[in-house]
């Protein structure tokens, strides 16, 4: 067993198929009952062997190892056994591909490395000393949870925001798909068209201003052209020059947008009246959450929207999601965006409060927990005038917890966040095993738990329930 050199002479073509020698005694003992009583017939016309050699006596039994699967190259040392304490046996084994046995490029056989005391402890960055301190274990678990949530969030963000066509160039070709607009917003008409460049086709929309529309603020349009891609802000990918589409039902150059709208929030509000109250109020909260994210981005850029109108808020089906999930909201009215006056952090609060009351309707309040929270938030928007970021945090807490009873009992919010993150990861894993694709609401919940801290959750609960 210590000599793994290949045989010096290979059997020839005329060698009998029966072997005269045996490598392992236990194999020899078993096969003695299976050997024929006569000599094996050779494959050629040579005279048969009349005096076969007697079988060697049985050797002491050995443990049968899978040496036939190992490479047959000469070992770098005379023995594969190294000095030192014996190694622990590995649990399970992995066969070596037999096709590698005659591969001259394969190196010498090496003994398997002994695994560490726990691969899980290695991934968590824990030592044996840390395992005796619960604080270190909790910190490692929290760091691993956040890292996993960041990975899931980044992948979902890439999928939801992916597929953008990029900037349009003068040499690109365009084809109009419909002679009538697909969506009519308060200030613009949207026509579907495709951009053709070599083998690539991208679906776009031409944003045509309505006749007699208000003159746009040039600062807002410049801001829209310079924006980096944002999930809830309408992005421009170029201008369609006049004459590029002779059959176009408009005149002059128009802007091209990457996302083709399906309807406005005003149109959705008319169609969603027959939905169950739980589904309706949750969708309203998700739409307002996305609008708050768009306004938060504008406020960070020193911009403000003069008026929030449901007919200028567009809805788009998120990429890679089911048609029954919540829609993606796009703030598209950059004609009314202007520089934000200094010292006005909650400049959009009153507009959000009026829009929220308009979405909930003037009738009897809906008897759902989310509807109750939205009613309280609408009053707080008018009274406290929080920033768009604070409003987004309150909507996140309303949708995914914690509830007001947790704060009233003085429960530690940090522990709640750890448990909630664990439950989300398990929930996504169970759905992935069943083949279910995560949706827009999963991505938004992942974003909330990834960014939230005990202090931010406490501030959101005080805005909702104080």
Protein backbone atom coordinates (compact mmCIF):
# COMPACT_ATOMS: atom_id res chain seq x y z
CA UNK A 1 0.00 0.00 0.00
CA UNK A 2 2.93 2.33 0.49
CA UNK A 3 4.19 1.88 -3.09
CA UNK A 4 1.82 3.54 -5.57
CA UNK A 5 4.09 3.28 -8.63
CA UNK A 6 2.39 2.06 -11.82
CA UNK A 7 3.32 -1.41 -13.08
CA UNK A 8 6.48 -1.53 -15.19
CA UNK A 9 4.89 -3.73 -17.84
CA UNK A 10 1.35 -3.68 -19.06
CA UNK A 11 -0.32 -6.97 -20.04
CA UNK A 12 -0.17 -7.72 -23.71
CA UNK A 13 -3.00 -8.41 -26.05
CA UNK A 14 -2.48 -12.18 -25.80
CA UNK A 15 -2.41 -12.33 -22.02
CA UNK A 16 -5.17 -14.52 -20.58
CA UNK A 17 -8.01 -12.72 -18.95
CA UNK A 18 -7.65 -14.59 -15.65
CA UNK A 19 -5.10 -13.06 -13.30
CA UNK A 20 -2.49 -15.28 -11.76
CA UNK A 21 -1.94 -13.01 -8.77
CA UNK A 22 -4.30 -11.11 -6.48
CA UNK A 23 -3.76 -7.83 -4.71
CA UNK A 24 -5.96 -8.42 -1.65
CA UNK A 25 -6.19 -11.60 0.32
CA UNK A 26 -9.83 -11.14 1.17
CA UNK A 27 -10.64 -10.88 -2.52
CA UNK A 28 -8.58 -13.99 -3.15
CA UNK A 29 -10.41 -15.91 -0.46
CA UNK A 30 -13.79 -15.00 -1.82
CA UNK A 31 -12.95 -15.67 -5.43
CA UNK A 32 -11.35 -19.08 -4.87
CA UNK A 33 -14.83 -20.56 -4.96
CA UNK A 34 -15.59 -18.75 -8.18
CA UNK A 35 -12.44 -19.76 -10.12
CA UNK A 36 -12.99 -22.27 -12.91
CA UNK A 37 -11.64 -25.73 -12.44
CA UNK A 38 -9.89 -25.56 -15.81
CA UNK A 39 -7.44 -23.11 -17.18
CA UNK A 40 -8.84 -20.05 -18.87
CA UNK A 41 -9.03 -20.22 -22.60
CA UNK A 42 -6.67 -17.74 -24.23
CA UNK A 43 -7.95 -15.22 -26.74
CA UNK A 44 -5.53 -16.33 -29.48
CA UNK A 45 -4.52 -19.60 -31.06
CA UNK A 46 -1.53 -20.10 -28.77
CA UNK A 47 -1.47 -23.44 -26.90
CA UNK A 48 -3.32 -23.35 -23.61
CA UNK A 49 -1.51 -23.24 -20.37
CA UNK A 50 -1.45 -26.78 -19.01
CA UNK A 51 0.34 -26.17 -15.76
CA UNK A 52 -1.24 -23.16 -14.02
CA UNK A 53 0.55 -21.71 -11.07
CA UNK A 54 -1.02 -22.54 -7.70
CA UNK A 55 -2.77 -19.77 -5.88
CA UNK A 56 -0.73 -18.04 -3.17
CA UNK A 57 -1.69 -18.65 0.43
CA UNK A 58 -4.16 -16.13 1.92
CA UNK A 59 -2.61 -13.05 3.45
CA UNK A 60 -3.85 -11.42 6.64
CA UNK A 61 -7.06 -9.52 6.10
CA UNK A 62 -6.85 -5.81 5.49
CA UNK A 63 -9.34 -3.07 5.32
CA UNK A 64 -10.31 -2.57 1.70
CA UNK A 65 -9.58 0.97 0.58
CA UNK A 66 -10.47 2.71 -2.66
CA UNK A 67 -6.95 2.90 -4.03
CA UNK A 68 -8.24 2.20 -7.52
CA UNK A 69 -9.77 5.69 -7.54
CA UNK A 70 -6.56 7.48 -6.56
CA UNK A 71 -4.00 8.76 -9.10
CA UNK A 72 -1.27 6.23 -9.83
CA UNK A 73 1.60 8.72 -9.91
CA UNK A 74 4.65 8.32 -7.79
CA UNK A 75 4.27 9.90 -4.39
CA UNK A 76 6.57 12.74 -3.42
CA UNK A 77 7.61 10.89 -0.26
CA UNK A 78 8.11 7.18 0.43
CA UNK A 79 5.18 7.11 2.80
CA UNK A 80 1.81 8.89 2.91
CA UNK A 81 1.78 8.71 6.71
CA UNK A 82 3.15 11.74 8.50
CA UNK A 83 4.52 11.83 12.00
CA UNK A 84 2.24 13.13 14.68
CA UNK A 85 -1.03 12.19 16.36
CA UNK A 86 -3.52 10.22 14.27
CA UNK A 87 -6.08 12.27 12.39
CA UNK A 88 -9.75 12.07 13.14
CA UNK A 89 -11.83 10.16 10.60
CA UNK A 90 -13.90 12.35 8.31
CA UNK A 91 -17.66 11.97 8.38
CA UNK A 92 -18.65 10.97 4.87
CA UNK A 93 -16.42 10.73 1.84
CA UNK A 94 -16.19 12.05 -1.67
CA UNK A 95 -15.06 9.72 -4.46
CA UNK A 96 -12.21 10.73 -6.70
CA UNK A 97 -13.12 10.82 -10.35
CA UNK A 98 -11.61 7.72 -11.91
CA UNK A 99 -11.01 9.63 -15.10
CA UNK A 100 -8.24 11.49 -13.27
CA UNK A 101 -6.29 8.28 -12.57
CA UNK A 102 -4.37 8.44 -15.88
CA UNK A 103 -4.17 12.24 -16.08
CA UNK A 104 -0.48 13.17 -16.20
CA UNK A 105 -1.30 16.70 -15.12
CA UNK A 106 -2.69 15.61 -11.76
CA UNK A 107 -0.43 16.17 -8.77
CA UNK A 108 0.47 13.70 -6.08
CA UNK A 109 -2.27 12.46 -3.83
CA UNK A 110 -2.59 14.57 -0.70
CA UNK A 111 -4.37 13.59 2.50
CA UNK A 112 -7.60 15.51 3.13
CA UNK A 113 -7.24 18.55 5.33
CA UNK A 114 -8.77 18.22 8.72
CA UNK A 115 -11.78 20.56 9.03
CA UNK A 116 -11.88 23.17 11.78
CA UNK A 117 -13.84 22.54 14.92
CA UNK A 118 -16.90 24.05 13.25
CA UNK A 119 -17.25 25.64 9.84
CA UNK A 120 -20.24 27.59 11.15
CA UNK A 121 -18.11 29.18 13.85
CA UNK A 122 -15.58 30.11 11.17
CA UNK A 123 -18.26 31.81 9.07
CA UNK A 124 -19.50 33.73 12.09
CA UNK A 125 -15.99 34.75 13.09
CA UNK A 126 -16.30 33.13 16.50
CA UNK A 127 -13.58 31.53 18.58
CA UNK A 128 -13.86 29.00 21.36
CA UNK A 129 -13.47 31.83 23.83
CA UNK A 130 -16.35 33.79 22.23
CA UNK A 131 -18.74 30.86 22.59
CA UNK A 132 -18.65 31.34 26.37
CA UNK A 133 -19.82 34.96 26.03
CA UNK A 134 -23.43 35.43 24.86
CA UNK A 135 -22.75 39.05 23.89
CA UNK A 136 -20.20 37.97 21.27
CA UNK A 137 -22.57 35.33 19.89
CA UNK A 138 -25.42 37.82 19.62
CA UNK A 139 -23.19 40.37 17.91
CA UNK A 140 -21.99 37.76 15.40
CA UNK A 141 -25.54 36.65 14.66
CA UNK A 142 -26.71 40.22 14.17
CA UNK A 143 -23.83 40.98 11.81
CA UNK A 144 -24.54 37.82 9.81
CA UNK A 145 -28.25 38.70 9.59
CA UNK A 146 -27.50 42.18 8.29
CA UNK A 147 -25.02 40.82 5.78
CA UNK A 148 -27.59 38.34 4.47
CA UNK A 149 -30.28 41.00 4.22
CA UNK A 150 -27.93 43.27 2.29
CA UNK A 151 -27.21 40.52 -0.21
CA UNK A 152 -30.91 39.73 -0.70
CA UNK A 153 -31.76 43.43 -1.00
CA UNK A 154 -29.03 44.06 -3.57
CA UNK A 155 -30.08 41.12 -5.74
CA UNK A 156 -33.75 42.06 -5.65
CA UNK A 157 -32.87 45.69 -6.41
CA UNK A 158 -30.84 44.60 -9.43
CA UNK A 159 -33.73 42.54 -10.72
CA UNK A 160 -36.43 45.14 -10.07
CA UNK A 161 -34.43 48.03 -11.53
CA UNK A 162 -32.62 46.05 -14.22
CA UNK A 163 -33.17 46.05 -17.95
CA UNK A 164 -32.81 49.78 -18.45
CA UNK A 165 -32.21 50.67 -22.10
CA UNK A 166 -29.46 53.22 -21.54
CA UNK A 167 -29.13 56.57 -23.32
CA UNK A 168 -30.60 56.98 -26.79
CA UNK A 169 -28.29 58.00 -29.63
CA UNK A 170 -28.98 59.74 -32.98
CA UNK A 171 -28.15 56.57 -34.94
CA UNK A 172 -30.77 54.50 -33.11
CA UNK A 173 -33.96 53.60 -34.92
CA UNK A 174 -37.44 53.96 -33.42
CA UNK A 175 -40.80 52.41 -34.22
CA UNK A 176 -44.14 53.57 -32.90
CA UNK A 177 -46.27 50.72 -31.57
CA UNK A 178 -49.62 52.45 -31.03
CA UNK A 179 -51.23 55.49 -32.59
CA UNK A 180 -53.11 56.26 -29.35
CA UNK A 181 -51.56 56.92 -25.95
CA UNK A 182 -51.25 54.07 -23.47
CA UNK A 183 -51.68 56.40 -20.47
CA UNK A 184 -52.95 59.97 -20.11
CA UNK A 185 -51.64 61.74 -17.04
CA UNK A 186 -52.50 65.21 -15.84
CA UNK A 187 -49.88 66.97 -17.95
CA UNK A 188 -48.65 64.45 -20.54
CA UNK A 189 -49.59 61.68 -22.96
CA UNK A 190 -47.48 58.51 -23.12
CA UNK A 191 -47.00 56.55 -26.36
CA UNK A 192 -45.34 53.16 -26.56
CA UNK A 193 -42.45 52.72 -28.97
CA UNK A 194 -39.37 50.56 -29.39
CA UNK A 195 -35.77 51.53 -29.92
CA UNK A 196 -33.97 49.32 -32.42
CA UNK A 197 -30.20 49.02 -32.35
CA UNK A 198 -28.59 46.05 -34.12
CA UNK A 199 -30.11 42.98 -32.46
CA UNK A 200 -31.45 44.76 -29.35
CA UNK A 201 -35.03 46.01 -28.99
CA UNK A 202 -36.02 48.10 -25.98
CA UNK A 203 -39.53 49.14 -25.07
CA UNK A 204 -39.76 52.85 -24.26
CA UNK A 205 -42.40 55.53 -23.90
CA UNK A 206 -42.55 58.95 -25.50
CA UNK A 207 -43.68 61.60 -23.01
CA UNK A 208 -45.66 64.20 -24.99
CA UNK A 209 -46.82 67.34 -23.13
CA UNK A 210 -50.53 68.08 -23.39
CA UNK A 211 -51.54 71.15 -25.39
CA UNK A 212 -51.98 74.10 -23.09
CA UNK A 213 -50.09 72.49 -20.20
CA UNK A 214 -48.37 74.68 -17.65
CA UNK A 215 -44.94 75.91 -18.66
CA UNK A 216 -42.39 73.64 -16.94
CA UNK A 217 -39.82 74.89 -14.52
CA UNK A 218 -36.47 74.56 -16.35
CA UNK A 219 -34.63 73.70 -13.12
CA UNK A 220 -36.85 70.64 -12.58
CA UNK A 221 -36.32 69.32 -16.11
CA UNK A 222 -32.56 69.75 -15.79
CA UNK A 223 -32.70 67.85 -12.52
CA UNK A 224 -34.63 65.01 -14.15
CA UNK A 225 -32.04 64.66 -16.91
CA UNK A 226 -29.18 64.56 -14.39
CA UNK A 227 -30.75 62.06 -11.96
CA UNK A 228 -29.15 58.72 -11.33
CA UNK A 229 -31.57 55.77 -11.69
CA UNK A 230 -34.02 55.69 -8.81
CA UNK A 231 -36.75 53.15 -8.26
CA UNK A 232 -39.50 55.73 -7.68
CA UNK A 233 -38.39 58.67 -9.84
CA UNK A 234 -39.11 58.74 -13.55
CA UNK A 235 -35.87 58.62 -15.49
CA UNK A 236 -35.21 60.06 -18.95
CA UNK A 237 -33.08 58.22 -21.48
CA UNK A 238 -32.95 60.85 -24.24
CA UNK A 239 -34.87 63.04 -26.64
CA UNK A 240 -36.70 61.94 -29.76
CA UNK A 241 -35.93 64.60 -32.37
CA UNK A 242 -38.59 66.03 -34.60
CA UNK A 243 -39.08 63.99 -37.75
CA UNK A 244 -37.66 60.77 -36.30
CA UNK A 245 -41.14 59.22 -36.49
CA UNK A 246 -43.08 60.60 -39.50
CA UNK A 247 -46.23 58.75 -38.39
CA UNK A 248 -46.13 60.23 -34.85
CA UNK A 249 -49.34 62.03 -33.80
CA UNK A 250 -47.37 64.88 -32.21
CA UNK A 251 -45.08 67.60 -33.43
CA UNK A 252 -41.66 68.66 -32.19
CA UNK A 253 -39.16 66.76 -30.09
CA UNK A 254 -40.31 64.78 -27.05
CA UNK A 255 -38.65 63.14 -24.07
CA UNK A 256 -38.13 59.39 -23.92
CA UNK A 257 -38.66 57.55 -20.61
CA UNK A 258 -37.40 54.08 -19.74
CA UNK A 259 -40.52 52.86 -17.89
CA UNK A 260 -43.79 52.45 -19.77
CA UNK A 261 -46.66 53.44 -17.43
CA UNK A 262 -49.81 51.36 -17.19
CA UNK A 263 -52.12 53.75 -15.33
CA UNK A 264 -52.11 56.64 -12.90
CA UNK A 265 -52.87 56.56 -9.17
CA UNK A 266 -56.13 58.39 -9.91
CA UNK A 267 -57.17 55.65 -12.33
CA UNK A 268 -56.11 52.92 -9.91
CA UNK A 269 -58.19 54.51 -7.17
CA UNK A 270 -61.31 54.17 -9.34
CA UNK A 271 -60.57 50.53 -10.19
CA UNK A 272 -59.54 49.46 -6.66
CA UNK A 273 -62.79 50.45 -4.96
CA UNK A 274 -64.13 46.87 -5.08
CA UNK A 275 -61.07 45.28 -3.49
CA UNK A 276 -61.16 43.84 0.07
CA UNK A 277 -60.40 46.48 2.72
CA UNK A 278 -57.24 44.70 3.95
CA UNK A 279 -55.74 44.49 0.46
CA UNK A 280 -56.78 48.03 -0.43
CA UNK A 281 -55.33 49.70 2.67
CA UNK A 282 -52.07 47.72 2.43
CA UNK A 283 -51.64 48.81 -1.20
CA UNK A 284 -52.33 52.43 -0.25
CA UNK A 285 -49.63 52.21 2.44
CA UNK A 286 -47.15 50.66 -0.04
CA UNK A 287 -47.85 53.38 -2.62
CA UNK A 288 -47.41 56.13 -0.04
CA UNK A 289 -44.21 54.45 1.17
CA UNK A 290 -42.74 54.56 -2.35
CA UNK A 291 -43.84 58.16 -2.81
CA UNK A 292 -42.12 59.07 0.46
CA UNK A 293 -38.92 57.44 -0.83
CA UNK A 294 -39.09 59.57 -3.99
CA UNK A 295 -39.69 62.75 -2.00
CA UNK A 296 -36.88 61.83 0.39
CA UNK A 297 -34.54 61.67 -2.58
CA UNK A 298 -35.71 65.07 -3.84
CA UNK A 299 -35.28 66.64 -0.40
CA UNK A 300 -31.72 65.30 -0.22
CA UNK A 301 -31.02 67.04 -3.55
CA UNK A 302 -32.44 70.35 -2.32
CA UNK A 303 -35.60 70.06 -4.44
CA UNK A 304 -39.30 70.31 -3.64
CA UNK A 305 -42.50 69.43 -5.48
CA UNK A 306 -45.02 72.24 -5.58
CA UNK A 307 -48.10 69.99 -5.73
CA UNK A 308 -48.85 66.29 -5.35
CA UNK A 309 -51.58 65.21 -7.76
CA UNK A 310 -52.74 61.57 -8.11
CA UNK A 311 -53.09 61.97 -11.89
CA UNK A 312 -49.36 62.71 -12.16
CA UNK A 313 -48.26 59.67 -10.14
CA UNK A 314 -47.67 56.74 -12.50
CA UNK A 315 -47.91 53.03 -11.78
CA UNK A 316 -45.72 50.43 -13.49
CA UNK A 317 -45.57 46.64 -13.15
CA UNK A 318 -42.27 45.77 -11.38
CA UNK A 319 -39.88 43.67 -13.45
CA UNK A 320 -39.78 40.00 -12.55
CA UNK A 321 -42.83 40.12 -10.24
CA UNK A 322 -46.26 38.60 -10.48
CA UNK A 323 -49.09 40.68 -11.91
CA UNK A 324 -51.08 40.35 -8.68
CA UNK A 325 -48.43 42.07 -6.54
CA UNK A 326 -48.29 45.75 -5.59
CA UNK A 327 -47.35 48.14 -8.41
CA UNK A 328 -44.28 50.31 -8.65
CA UNK A 329 -44.92 54.03 -8.21
CA UNK A 330 -43.12 56.68 -10.27
CA UNK A 331 -43.10 60.37 -9.50
CA UNK A 332 -43.16 61.92 -12.99
CA UNK A 333 -44.25 65.54 -12.51
CA UNK A 334 -40.87 67.29 -12.74
CA UNK A 335 -42.50 70.32 -14.32
CA UNK A 336 -43.48 71.54 -10.82
CA UNK A 337 -40.18 70.79 -9.09
CA UNK A 338 -38.13 73.78 -7.94
CA UNK A 339 -35.31 74.45 -5.46
CA UNK A 340 -36.36 73.81 -1.86
CA UNK A 341 -36.23 76.81 0.44
CA UNK A 342 -33.71 76.36 3.28
CA UNK A 343 -34.98 75.41 6.71
CA UNK A 344 -38.04 73.47 5.50
CA UNK A 345 -37.42 69.78 6.32
CA UNK A 346 -41.13 68.85 6.27
CA UNK A 347 -42.07 70.75 3.14
CA UNK A 348 -43.99 67.79 1.67
CA UNK A 349 -45.78 66.74 4.88
CA UNK A 350 -49.06 68.62 4.33
CA UNK A 351 -49.24 67.50 0.71
CA UNK A 352 -48.76 63.89 1.78
CA UNK A 353 -51.50 64.27 4.40
CA UNK A 354 -53.99 65.63 1.84
CA UNK A 355 -53.10 62.90 -0.66
CA UNK A 356 -53.50 60.21 2.00
CA UNK A 357 -56.98 61.41 2.93
CA UNK A 358 -57.89 61.50 -0.76
CA UNK A 359 -56.75 57.92 -1.23
CA UNK A 360 -58.60 56.66 1.84
CA UNK A 361 -61.78 58.38 0.68
CA UNK A 362 -64.25 60.64 2.48
CA UNK A 363 -66.54 57.83 3.59
CA UNK A 364 -66.61 55.71 6.71
CA UNK A 365 -63.08 54.77 7.85
CA UNK A 366 -62.08 51.22 7.00
CA UNK A 367 -61.97 48.91 10.01
CA UNK A 368 -58.45 47.51 9.50
CA UNK A 369 -55.32 48.02 11.62
CA UNK A 370 -53.44 49.53 8.66
CA UNK A 371 -56.32 51.93 7.96
CA UNK A 372 -56.32 53.05 11.61
CA UNK A 373 -52.59 53.73 11.43
CA UNK A 374 -52.97 55.65 8.15
CA UNK A 375 -55.66 57.85 9.67
CA UNK A 376 -53.40 58.69 12.61
CA UNK A 377 -50.48 59.32 10.26
CA UNK A 378 -52.55 61.72 8.16
CA UNK A 379 -53.28 63.78 11.29
CA UNK A 380 -49.61 63.74 12.35
CA UNK A 381 -48.47 64.88 8.89
CA UNK A 382 -50.53 68.03 9.26
CA UNK A 383 -49.69 68.64 12.92
CA UNK A 384 -46.01 67.65 13.27
CA UNK A 385 -44.90 68.05 9.62
CA UNK A 386 -42.23 65.32 9.61
CA UNK A 387 -39.70 64.96 6.83
CA UNK A 388 -40.18 62.50 4.01
CA UNK A 389 -37.62 60.17 5.60
CA UNK A 390 -39.52 60.16 8.91
CA UNK A 391 -42.80 59.54 7.09
CA UNK A 392 -41.26 56.60 5.26
CA UNK A 393 -40.08 55.13 8.58
CA UNK A 394 -43.57 55.44 10.07
CA UNK A 395 -45.10 53.66 7.07
CA UNK A 396 -42.52 50.88 7.32
CA UNK A 397 -43.34 50.31 10.99
CA UNK A 398 -47.06 50.36 10.19
CA UNK A 399 -46.66 47.69 7.51
CA UNK A 400 -44.14 45.34 9.13
CA UNK A 401 -44.19 46.15 12.84
CA UNK A 402 -43.71 46.43 15.68
CA UNK A 403 -47.20 47.19 16.89
CA UNK A 404 -48.07 49.81 19.49
CA UNK A 405 -48.47 47.20 22.25
CA UNK A 406 -44.76 46.35 22.08
CA UNK A 407 -43.79 49.95 22.80
CA UNK A 408 -46.39 50.35 25.53
CA UNK A 409 -44.94 47.39 27.44
CA UNK A 410 -41.40 48.71 27.15
CA UNK A 411 -40.06 45.71 25.23
CA UNK A 412 -36.51 46.09 23.86
CA UNK A 413 -36.75 47.06 20.21
CA UNK A 414 -33.27 45.77 19.41
CA UNK A 415 -34.30 42.22 20.33
CA UNK A 416 -37.45 42.58 18.26
CA UNK A 417 -35.37 43.61 15.24
CA UNK A 418 -33.15 40.52 15.55
CA UNK A 419 -36.14 38.19 15.75
CA UNK A 420 -37.90 39.97 12.88
CA UNK A 421 -34.84 39.73 10.63
CA UNK A 422 -34.54 36.02 11.35
CA UNK A 423 -38.20 35.47 10.53
CA UNK A 424 -37.87 37.32 7.23
CA UNK A 425 -34.86 35.25 6.16
CA UNK A 426 -36.72 32.03 7.02
CA UNK A 427 -39.82 33.27 5.20
CA UNK A 428 -37.86 34.04 2.03
CA UNK A 429 -36.07 30.68 2.23
CA UNK A 430 -39.34 28.74 2.55
CA UNK A 431 -40.83 30.54 -0.42
CA UNK A 432 -37.68 30.01 -2.48
CA UNK A 433 -37.81 26.26 -1.82
CA UNK A 434 -41.39 26.27 -3.11
CA UNK A 435 -40.33 28.10 -6.27
CA UNK A 436 -42.06 31.38 -5.34
CA UNK A 437 -40.35 34.54 -6.53
CA UNK A 438 -39.99 37.40 -3.99
CA UNK A 439 -42.09 40.44 -4.78
CA UNK A 440 -41.88 44.19 -4.40
CA UNK A 441 -43.24 44.12 -0.86
CA UNK A 442 -40.54 41.59 0.14
CA UNK A 443 -37.85 43.91 -1.19
CA UNK A 444 -39.31 46.90 0.66
CA UNK A 445 -39.55 44.90 3.91
CA UNK A 446 -35.95 43.76 3.47
CA UNK A 447 -34.90 47.39 2.99
CA UNK A 448 -36.70 48.38 6.20
CA UNK A 449 -35.13 45.70 8.39
CA UNK A 450 -31.71 46.30 6.85
CA UNK A 451 -31.73 50.03 7.68
CA UNK A 452 -33.74 50.07 10.92
CA UNK A 453 -32.24 50.62 14.35
CA UNK A 454 -33.85 50.62 17.77
CA UNK A 455 -33.79 54.43 17.80
CA UNK A 456 -35.36 54.80 14.34
CA UNK A 457 -38.11 52.29 15.16
CA UNK A 458 -38.89 54.12 18.41
CA UNK A 459 -39.15 57.41 16.49
CA UNK A 460 -41.48 55.83 13.94
CA UNK A 461 -43.74 54.43 16.66
CA UNK A 462 -43.90 57.79 18.41
CA UNK A 463 -44.96 59.43 15.13
CA UNK A 464 -47.66 56.82 14.63
CA UNK A 465 -49.15 56.30 18.07
CA UNK A 466 -48.27 59.26 20.35
